Amino acid sequence: MLLTAFTDARPIQRKSNHYMMGRIVNFLPFIEKLPFHATTEEVSVVLEVKDTFCDWNQGLFELTIQNGVARCEKIVSGTPDYSGTIQEWLPVFMGLHSLDQAVWYGLIEKRTEEEQLSSLIQLETPRLYDYF
């Protein structure tokens, strides 16, 4: 019988890990669509984004947040408060880990003493329930 040639498959366990890779294609509109925690005072920080694939993402961005709404503008010069690659910014803004954790891990470089931005980023990981 042909089935006797096959080994017993009962000890084999199947496991499926669901994940999805993300990429920020255009930083400026992406950041302006993100919800932030509401605050009455205006918080302004300069972010340095490094992107070797998309030139339009490369550079300094002044991010201003008030009442949970972000405005972002690309600027020519200034001193960045935070610096990182586009790949390192994605998990921060998508809620995979906090800005403080990214700084502690060495993914994002913090160049300021201010702590306001970290408290404004929402730590809710987005979910896509219908993809293939």
C-alpha atoms as a PDB file:
ATOM      1  CA  MET A   1       0.000   0.000   0.000  1.00  0.00           C
ATOM      2  CA  LEU A   2       1.340   3.445  -0.921  1.00  0.00           C
ATOM      3  CA  LEU A   3       0.252   5.152   2.348  1.00  0.00           C
ATOM      4  CA  THR A   4       2.715   3.083   4.365  1.00  0.00           C
ATOM      5  CA  ALA A   5       5.554   4.969   2.650  1.00  0.00           C
ATOM      6  CA  PHE A   6       4.549   8.215   4.347  1.00  0.00           C
ATOM      7  CA  THR A   7       5.559   8.976   7.912  1.00  0.00           C
ATOM      8  CA  ASP A   8       3.071   9.780  10.624  1.00  0.00           C
ATOM      9  CA  ALA A   9       2.158  13.500  10.395  1.00  0.00           C
ATOM     10  CA  ARG A  10       0.570  13.789  13.860  1.00  0.00           C
ATOM     11  CA  PRO A  11       3.656  15.291  15.577  1.00  0.00           C
ATOM     12  CA  ILE A  12       3.790  18.080  13.001  1.00  0.00           C
ATOM     13  CA  GLN A  13       2.074  21.257  14.163  1.00  0.00           C
ATOM     14  CA  ARG A  14       0.936  23.949  11.791  1.00  0.00           C
ATOM     15  CA  LYS A  15       1.185  27.536  12.931  1.00  0.00           C
ATOM     16  CA  SER A  16       0.174  30.658  11.072  1.00  0.00           C
ATOM     17  CA  ASN A  17       1.560  34.061  11.988  1.00  0.00           C
ATOM     18  CA  HIS A  18      -0.422  36.921  10.541  1.00  0.00           C
ATOM     19  CA  TYR A  19       1.459  40.100   9.873  1.00  0.00           C
ATOM     20  CA  MET A  20       1.575  42.870   7.373  1.00  0.00           C
ATOM     21  CA  MET A  21       4.497  45.029   6.370  1.00  0.00           C
ATOM     22  CA  GLY A  22       3.945  48.772   6.368  1.00  0.00           C
ATOM     23  CA  ARG A  23       5.612  51.655   4.579  1.00  0.00           C
ATOM     24  CA  ILE A  24       5.052  55.398   4.831  1.00  0.00           C
ATOM     25  CA  VAL A  25       5.018  56.481   1.203  1.00  0.00           C
ATOM     26  CA  ASN A  26       4.469  60.202   1.768  1.00  0.00           C
ATOM     27  CA  PHE A  27       5.295  61.385   5.292  1.00  0.00           C
ATOM     28  CA  LEU A  28       3.629  64.806   5.184  1.00  0.00           C
ATOM     29  CA  PRO A  29       0.023  63.751   4.379  1.00  0.00           C
ATOM     30  CA  PHE A  30       0.434  60.609   6.491  1.00  0.00           C
ATOM     31  CA  ILE A  31       1.281  62.561   9.641  1.00  0.00           C
ATOM     32  CA  GLU A  32      -1.501  65.110   9.049  1.00  0.00           C
ATOM     33  CA  LYS A  33      -4.136  62.350   8.927  1.00  0.00           C
ATOM     34  CA  LEU A  34      -3.060  60.698  12.182  1.00  0.00           C
ATOM     35  CA  PRO A  35      -5.170  61.344  15.269  1.00  0.00           C
ATOM     36  CA  PHE A  36      -3.256  62.682  18.261  1.00  0.00           C
ATOM     37  CA  HIS A  37      -4.379  63.150  21.849  1.00  0.00           C
ATOM     38  CA  ALA A  38      -6.175  66.458  22.290  1.00  0.00           C
ATOM     39  CA  THR A  39      -4.409  69.321  24.011  1.00  0.00           C
ATOM     40  CA  THR A  40      -5.412  72.959  24.208  1.00  0.00           C
ATOM     41  CA  GLU A  41      -1.862  74.254  23.974  1.00  0.00           C
ATOM     42  CA  GLU A  42      -0.013  74.118  20.686  1.00  0.00           C
ATOM     43  CA  VAL A  43       2.939  71.724  20.591  1.00  0.00           C
ATOM     44  CA  SER A  44       5.547  72.190  17.890  1.00  0.00           C
ATOM     45  CA  VAL A  45       8.504  69.887  17.190  1.00  0.00           C
ATOM     46  CA  VAL A  46      10.947  69.443  14.336  1.00  0.00           C
ATOM     47  CA  LEU A  47      11.358  65.880  13.082  1.00  0.00           C
ATOM     48  CA  GLU A  48      14.188  64.720  10.886  1.00  0.00           C
ATOM     49  CA  VAL A  49      13.171  61.945   8.519  1.00  0.00           C
ATOM     50  CA  LYS A  50      15.759  59.928   6.616  1.00  0.00           C
ATOM     51  CA  ASP A  51      14.518  58.038   3.566  1.00  0.00           C
ATOM     52  CA  THR A  52      16.911  56.665   0.956  1.00  0.00           C
ATOM     53  CA  PHE A  53      14.135  55.593  -1.437  1.00  0.00           C
ATOM     54  CA  CYS A  54      11.743  58.557  -1.521  1.00  0.00           C
ATOM     55  CA  ASP A  55      13.433  61.946  -1.791  1.00  0.00           C
ATOM     56  CA  TRP A  56      10.244  63.808  -0.834  1.00  0.00           C
ATOM     57  CA  ASN A  57      10.359  62.197   2.629  1.00  0.00           C
ATOM     58  CA  GLN A  58      13.982  63.140   3.231  1.00  0.00           C
ATOM     59  CA  GLY A  59      14.538  66.200   5.412  1.00  0.00           C
ATOM     60  CA  LEU A  60      13.129  68.260   8.260  1.00  0.00           C
ATOM     61  CA  PHE A  61       9.433  68.509   9.064  1.00  0.00           C
ATOM     62  CA  GLU A  62       7.898  70.950  11.506  1.00  0.00           C
ATOM     63  CA  LEU A  63       5.012  69.180  13.196  1.00  0.00           C
ATOM     64  CA  THR A  64       2.457  71.303  15.051  1.00  0.00           C
ATOM     65  CA  ILE A  65      -0.295  69.625  17.081  1.00  0.00           C
ATOM     66  CA  GLN A  66      -3.262  71.355  18.674  1.00  0.00           C
ATOM     67  CA  ASN A  67      -6.587  69.843  19.780  1.00  0.00           C
ATOM     68  CA  GLY A  68      -5.523  66.461  18.406  1.00  0.00           C
ATOM     69  CA  VAL A  69      -5.013  67.801  14.883  1.00  0.00           C
ATOM     70  CA  ALA A  70      -1.576  67.865  13.251  1.00  0.00           C
ATOM     71  CA  ARG A  71      -0.204  70.302  10.733  1.00  0.00           C
ATOM     72  CA  CYS A  72       3.070  69.449   9.092  1.00  0.00           C
ATOM     73  CA  GLU A  73       5.353  71.500   6.905  1.00  0.00           C
ATOM     74  CA  LYS A  74       8.646  70.580   5.284  1.00  0.00           C
ATOM     75  CA  ILE A  75      11.299  73.115   6.269  1.00  0.00           C
ATOM     76  CA  VAL A  76      14.697  73.865   4.754  1.00  0.00           C
ATOM     77  CA  SER A  77      16.720  74.455   7.906  1.00  0.00           C
ATOM     78  CA  GLY A  78      16.434  74.053  11.637  1.00  0.00           C
ATOM     79  CA  THR A  79      17.520  71.888  14.514  1.00  0.00           C
ATOM     80  CA  PRO A  80      15.615  68.605  14.772  1.00  0.00           C
ATOM     81  CA  ASP A  81      14.120  67.584  18.109  1.00  0.00           C
ATOM     82  CA  TYR A  82      13.965  63.940  16.990  1.00  0.00           C
ATOM     83  CA  SER A  83      15.723  62.091  14.169  1.00  0.00           C
ATOM     84  CA  GLY A  84      15.182  58.697  12.571  1.00  0.00           C
ATOM     85  CA  THR A  85      14.640  56.789   9.362  1.00  0.00           C
ATOM     86  CA  ILE A  86      11.200  56.442   7.811  1.00  0.00           C
ATOM     87  CA  GLN A  87      11.265  52.762   8.844  1.00  0.00           C
ATOM     88  CA  GLU A  88      11.920  53.739  12.467  1.00  0.00           C
ATOM     89  CA  TRP A  89       9.153  56.361  12.525  1.00  0.00           C
ATOM     90  CA  LEU A  90       6.478  53.947  11.263  1.00  0.00           C
ATOM     91  CA  PRO A  91       6.203  51.784  14.427  1.00  0.00           C
ATOM     92  CA  VAL A  92       6.087  54.922  16.586  1.00  0.00           C
ATOM     93  CA  PHE A  93       3.198  56.527  14.715  1.00  0.00           C
ATOM     94  CA  MET A  94       1.360  53.236  14.168  1.00  0.00           C
ATOM     95  CA  GLY A  95       1.366  52.416  17.881  1.00  0.00           C
ATOM     96  CA  LEU A  96       3.679  49.408  17.847  1.00  0.00           C
ATOM     97  CA  HIS A  97       5.846  51.054  20.497  1.00  0.00           C
ATOM     98  CA  SER A  98       6.003  54.461  22.117  1.00  0.00           C
ATOM     99  CA  LEU A  99       8.349  57.285  21.163  1.00  0.00           C
ATOM    100  CA  ASP A 100      10.091  56.871  24.532  1.00  0.00           C
ATOM    101  CA  GLN A 101      10.670  53.175  23.812  1.00  0.00           C
ATOM    102  CA  ALA A 102      12.054  53.973  20.344  1.00  0.00           C
ATOM    103  CA  VAL A 103      14.480  56.448  21.912  1.00  0.00           C
ATOM    104  CA  TRP A 104      15.483  53.921  24.563  1.00  0.00           C
ATOM    105  CA  TYR A 105      15.986  51.195  21.897  1.00  0.00           C
ATOM    106  CA  GLY A 106      18.211  53.607  19.956  1.00  0.00           C
ATOM    107  CA  LEU A 107      15.893  53.675  16.935  1.00  0.00           C
ATOM    108  CA  ILE A 108      15.028  57.373  17.224  1.00  0.00           C
ATOM    109  CA  GLU A 109      17.564  59.971  18.319  1.00  0.00           C
ATOM    110  CA  LYS A 110      16.186  62.493  20.807  1.00  0.00           C
ATOM    111  CA  ARG A 111      17.857  65.907  20.737  1.00  0.00           C
ATOM    112  CA  THR A 112      15.554  67.822  23.069  1.00  0.00           C
ATOM    113  CA  GLU A 113      14.564  67.803  26.720  1.00  0.00           C
ATOM    114  CA  GLU A 114      10.863  68.296  25.906  1.00  0.00           C
ATOM    115  CA  GLU A 115       8.529  65.364  26.524  1.00  0.00           C
ATOM    116  CA  GLN A 116       5.309  66.722  25.020  1.00  0.00           C
ATOM    117  CA  LEU A 117       5.289  64.810  21.705  1.00  0.00           C
ATOM    118  CA  SER A 118       5.475  61.418  23.389  1.00  0.00           C
ATOM    119  CA  SER A 119       2.285  62.045  25.373  1.00  0.00           C
ATOM    120  CA  LEU A 120       0.360  63.162  22.257  1.00  0.00           C
ATOM    121  CA  ILE A 121       0.967  60.082  20.113  1.00  0.00           C
ATOM    122  CA  GLN A 122      -1.853  57.554  20.387  1.00  0.00           C
ATOM    123  CA  LEU A 123      -0.675  54.021  21.086  1.00  0.00           C
ATOM    124  CA  GLU A 124      -3.447  52.207  19.270  1.00  0.00           C
ATOM    125  CA  THR A 125      -2.248  49.713  16.702  1.00  0.00           C
ATOM    126  CA  PRO A 126      -4.425  49.893  13.584  1.00  0.00           C
ATOM    127  CA  ARG A 127      -6.013  46.666  12.404  1.00  0.00           C
ATOM    128  CA  LEU A 128      -6.845  45.443   8.920  1.00  0.00           C
ATOM    129  CA  TYR A 129      -9.357  42.653   9.255  1.00  0.00           C
ATOM    130  CA  ASP A 130      -9.975  41.952   5.575  1.00  0.00           C
ATOM    131  CA  TYR A 131      -6.765  41.580   3.597  1.00  0.00           C
ATOM    132  CA  PHE A 132      -5.053  38.811   1.673  1.00  0.00           C
END
